[in-house]
Protein backbone atom coordinates (compact mmCIF):
# COMPACT_ATOMS: atom_id res chain seq x y z
CA UNK A 1 -2.63 -14.81 -2.96
CA UNK A 2 0.67 -15.39 -1.09
CA UNK A 3 3.43 -13.51 -3.13
CA UNK A 4 6.30 -13.93 -1.14
CA UNK A 5 5.28 -17.36 0.13
CA UNK A 6 3.02 -18.54 3.43
CA UNK A 7 5.96 -18.17 6.29
CA UNK A 8 7.62 -15.33 7.51
CA UNK A 9 11.28 -15.29 7.56
CA UNK A 10 12.90 -12.82 9.84
CA UNK A 11 16.57 -11.79 9.98
CA UNK A 12 18.11 -10.10 12.67
CA UNK A 13 18.65 -6.19 12.88
CA UNK A 14 22.20 -6.75 12.91
CA UNK A 15 22.58 -8.12 9.54
CA UNK A 16 20.50 -5.85 7.87
CA UNK A 17 22.18 -2.88 9.66
CA UNK A 18 25.52 -4.57 8.69
CA UNK A 19 24.28 -4.66 5.01
CA UNK A 20 23.03 -1.55 4.79
CA UNK A 21 26.70 -0.53 5.63
CA UNK A 22 28.18 -2.44 2.91
CA UNK A 23 25.63 -1.11 0.62
CA UNK A 24 26.41 2.65 1.72
CA UNK A 25 30.08 2.59 2.10
CA UNK A 26 31.59 -0.22 -0.25
CA UNK A 27 29.23 0.78 -3.03
CA UNK A 28 27.74 4.50 -2.14
CA UNK A 29 24.24 3.43 -2.67
CA UNK A 30 22.10 6.24 -1.47
CA UNK A 31 18.55 4.81 -1.44
CA UNK A 32 17.56 1.48 -0.64
CA UNK A 33 13.81 0.20 -0.64
CA UNK A 34 12.36 -3.01 1.97
CA UNK A 35 10.97 -5.43 -0.46
CA UNK A 36 8.26 -6.53 2.56
CA UNK A 37 5.11 -5.77 2.22
CA UNK A 38 4.34 -5.02 5.86
CA UNK A 39 7.67 -4.11 7.47
CA UNK A 40 6.16 -2.52 10.84
CA UNK A 41 4.86 -5.84 11.48
CA UNK A 42 7.43 -6.51 13.90
CA UNK A 43 7.24 -3.23 15.93
CA UNK A 44 9.80 -4.63 18.68
CA UNK A 45 11.97 -5.38 15.31
CA UNK A 46 11.71 -2.04 13.72
CA UNK A 47 12.03 0.39 16.78
CA UNK A 48 15.39 -1.53 17.30
CA UNK A 49 16.19 -1.29 13.75
CA UNK A 50 15.70 2.58 13.77
CA UNK A 51 18.11 2.82 17.22
CA UNK A 52 20.77 0.80 15.68
CA UNK A 53 20.82 2.34 12.37
CA UNK A 54 21.36 5.94 14.37
CA UNK A 55 24.09 4.41 16.31
CA UNK A 56 26.17 3.24 12.89
CA UNK A 57 26.14 6.99 11.66
CA UNK A 58 24.52 5.96 8.30
CA UNK A 59 23.11 7.80 6.20
CA UNK A 60 21.39 6.03 3.63
CA UNK A 61 17.87 6.43 2.75
CA UNK A 62 15.06 3.94 3.23
CA UNK A 63 12.24 3.63 1.91
CA UNK A 64 9.08 1.27 3.14
CA UNK A 65 5.44 -0.38 2.37
CA UNK A 66 3.27 -1.56 5.26
CA UNK A 67 -0.54 -1.05 6.67
CA UNK A 68 -2.49 1.45 8.02
CA UNK A 69 -2.84 -0.25 11.62
CA UNK A 70 0.61 -1.00 11.97
CA UNK A 71 1.83 2.67 12.42
CA UNK A 72 1.26 4.89 15.47
CA UNK A 73 2.75 8.66 16.07
CA UNK A 74 5.64 7.31 18.23
CA UNK A 75 6.89 4.85 15.68
CA UNK A 76 6.32 7.30 12.60
CA UNK A 77 8.78 9.43 15.11
CA UNK A 78 11.10 6.84 15.00
CA UNK A 79 11.18 6.10 11.41
CA UNK A 80 11.97 9.34 10.38
CA UNK A 81 14.44 9.67 13.21
CA UNK A 82 16.41 6.37 11.37
CA UNK A 83 16.30 8.25 7.74
CA UNK A 84 13.09 6.43 6.49
CA UNK A 85 12.26 8.91 3.62
CA UNK A 86 9.15 7.24 2.23
CA UNK A 87 6.01 5.10 3.45
CA UNK A 88 3.25 2.91 0.53
CA UNK A 89 0.34 2.06 2.10
CA UNK A 90 -2.17 -0.59 -0.06
CA UNK A 91 -5.48 1.11 1.41
CA UNK A 92 -7.48 0.24 -1.53
CA UNK A 93 -10.86 1.69 -0.63
CA UNK A 94 -12.04 4.39 1.42
CA UNK A 95 -15.29 2.77 2.08
CA UNK A 96 -15.93 1.08 5.39
CA UNK A 97 -18.25 -1.37 3.24
CA UNK A 98 -15.75 -2.08 0.87
CA UNK A 99 -13.09 -2.46 3.42
CA UNK A 100 -14.92 -5.17 5.22
CA UNK A 101 -15.90 -6.93 1.85
CA UNK A 102 -12.08 -7.28 1.20
CA UNK A 103 -10.83 -8.04 4.36
CA UNK A 104 -8.50 -5.33 5.21
CA UNK A 105 -9.52 -5.19 8.84
CA UNK A 106 -9.19 -1.03 9.01
CA UNK A 107 -11.46 1.45 8.64
CA UNK A 108 -11.52 4.58 7.32
CA UNK A 109 -10.84 6.63 10.08
CA UNK A 110 -7.67 4.81 10.69
CA UNK A 111 -6.69 5.79 7.32
CA UNK A 112 -7.46 9.35 8.01
CA UNK A 113 -5.30 9.44 11.56
CA UNK A 114 -2.43 8.00 9.75
CA UNK A 115 -2.72 10.32 7.04
CA UNK A 116 -3.24 12.88 9.49
CA UNK A 117 0.00 12.13 11.36
CA UNK A 118 1.78 11.76 8.28
CA UNK A 119 1.19 15.08 6.83
CA UNK A 120 1.91 16.84 10.10
CA UNK A 121 5.02 15.37 10.20
CA UNK A 122 6.63 15.85 6.99
CA UNK A 123 7.37 12.15 6.09
CA UNK A 124 6.25 11.54 2.23
CA UNK A 125 3.79 8.72 1.56
CA UNK A 126 1.50 7.43 -1.61
CA UNK A 127 -1.80 5.71 -0.60
CA UNK A 128 -2.82 3.16 -3.15
CA UNK A 129 -6.85 2.49 -3.98
CA UNK A 130 -8.74 0.17 -6.16
CA UNK A 131 -10.81 0.88 -8.86
CA UNK A 132 -13.19 -1.25 -10.90
CA UNK A 133 -13.76 -3.82 -7.58
CA UNK A 134 -16.60 -5.88 -7.46
CA UNK A 135 -20.24 -4.45 -6.27
CA UNK A 136 -18.26 -0.63 -6.36
CA UNK A 137 -20.13 2.12 -8.27
CA UNK A 138 -18.95 5.14 -10.26
CA UNK A 139 -20.06 6.75 -7.60
CA UNK A 140 -18.68 5.19 -4.80
CA UNK A 141 -15.00 6.29 -7.15
CA UNK A 142 -15.97 9.67 -6.96
CA UNK A 143 -16.67 9.89 -3.49
CA UNK A 144 -13.55 8.15 -2.35
CA UNK A 145 -11.70 11.34 -4.68
CA UNK A 146 -13.57 13.27 -2.84
CA UNK A 147 -12.60 12.03 0.68
CA UNK A 148 -9.01 12.15 -0.55
CA UNK A 149 -9.32 16.01 -0.61
CA UNK A 150 -10.86 16.27 2.42
CA UNK A 151 -8.34 14.70 4.26
CA UNK A 152 -5.57 16.37 1.77
CA UNK A 153 -3.79 13.28 0.78
CA UNK A 154 -1.09 14.44 -0.97
CA UNK A 155 0.48 11.63 -3.09
CA UNK A 156 -2.29 8.67 -4.02
CA UNK A 157 -2.72 6.45 -7.21
CA UNK A 158 -6.10 4.53 -7.86
CA UNK A 159 -5.24 1.38 -9.93
CA UNK A 160 -7.76 -1.13 -11.83
CA UNK A 161 -8.54 -4.30 -9.68
CA UNK A 162 -7.40 -7.32 -11.20
CA UNK A 163 -8.69 -10.31 -9.50
CA UNK A 164 -5.63 -12.97 -7.87
CA UNK A 165 -5.77 -16.52 -8.04
CA UNK A 166 -7.00 -18.49 -4.51
CA UNK A 167 -8.49 -15.52 -3.32
CA UNK A 168 -12.21 -15.24 -2.96
CA UNK A 169 -12.47 -12.29 -4.93
CA UNK A 170 -10.85 -14.68 -7.90
CA UNK A 171 -13.30 -16.97 -6.93
CA UNK A 172 -16.11 -14.47 -7.63
CA UNK A 173 -14.67 -13.68 -11.09
CA UNK A 174 -14.55 -17.36 -11.94
CA UNK A 175 -18.98 -17.30 -11.62
CA UNK A 176 -18.96 -14.07 -14.40
CA UNK A 177 -16.11 -15.94 -16.44
CA UNK A 178 -16.71 -19.87 -15.89
CA UNK A 179 -13.24 -19.90 -18.14
CA UNK A 180 -10.60 -17.70 -16.30
CA UNK A 181 -6.83 -18.90 -16.74
CA UNK A 182 -5.08 -18.20 -13.83
CA UNK A 183 -2.38 -17.02 -16.25
CA UNK A 184 -2.23 -13.12 -15.89
CA UNK A 185 -2.87 -12.46 -19.81
CA UNK A 186 -6.46 -13.65 -19.06
CA UNK A 187 -6.64 -12.09 -15.85
CA UNK A 188 -5.77 -8.86 -17.05
CA UNK A 189 -8.80 -8.77 -19.39
CA UNK A 190 -11.15 -8.55 -16.97
CA UNK A 191 -9.72 -5.90 -14.87
CA UNK A 192 -12.29 -3.66 -13.42
CA UNK A 193 -15.24 -5.54 -15.19
CA UNK A 194 -15.43 -8.41 -12.20
CA UNK A 195 -19.41 -8.25 -10.51
CA UNK A 196 -19.79 -4.62 -11.16
CA UNK A 197 -21.58 -2.51 -13.88
CA UNK A 198 -18.75 0.38 -14.23
CA UNK A 199 -18.24 0.56 -17.85
CA UNK A 200 -14.89 1.06 -19.11
CA UNK A 201 -15.62 4.58 -20.68
CA UNK A 202 -16.50 5.39 -16.87
CA UNK A 203 -13.49 4.10 -15.25
CA UNK A 204 -11.61 6.29 -18.34
CA UNK A 205 -12.93 9.18 -17.41
CA UNK A 206 -12.80 8.79 -13.85
CA UNK A 207 -8.79 8.35 -14.23
CA UNK A 208 -8.72 11.34 -16.45
CA UNK A 209 -10.74 13.51 -13.47
CA UNK A 210 -8.61 12.37 -11.16
CA UNK A 211 -5.18 13.37 -13.33
CA UNK A 212 -6.62 16.92 -13.66
CA UNK A 213 -7.46 17.45 -10.80
CA UNK A 214 -4.00 16.79 -9.15
C-alpha cells in the first residue's frame, strides 16, 4: 500500500530551511508538521537539517513521524536541540509474532528502548497501535495495554484495523469477504473483522477500558 507513491524524492536541507524561514518570519507560523512517514530515514540529512536550523536561529516548532528503528539516542538529542517538539510512531503492535506477521522489521525490545529514551529525554511522542488485526485475540490487546503501562508509555492510541488495497492483509481479507471492494466505504465495513474471533462488543469494551485507564 503506497500512500505517497513508490519513490522517494528528497529536497535539499537548504531549500527546507529557507521555506521554514519564510513561514516563520513572513507569515508568523509557530508550528510545522513534516508530512513524511519516515522523517529520520536519512540520518545524515536529519543531522544536517538540525545543524542548519540552529545556525539560522529559527524558533518555529516542528513535529515528525518515523519508525523506532530509525531513532537512536544521539539522533533524539539532535532533534530536541533542533526544536522538534513531538514524534509520532506507528508501532502497530506490542507482540513480536504480530510484528513479524505485519512485516514491521522491528521488535518489542526496540520499541521499549525508544520509549525509554523519549521518556528520559522528555520529548513528546504518540504511539499508534492496531486493534482487531488478523489472528489477534482480545487477550492479546489487553496484554499490549498492560505492557504500555509497564513501559510507562505516556501517549498512545489504539486504532481499529482496516485492510488497505494491494497488501497481503487485503488479500487475506478478500478470502473471508470475496466481494470486498477497494473503495474505503466497503473497507470500513470490515474494520477489525478480518480473520479473527474478536466480537465488536469486545472491541468496544476494550476501547472503553483503555479510555478509563488513561
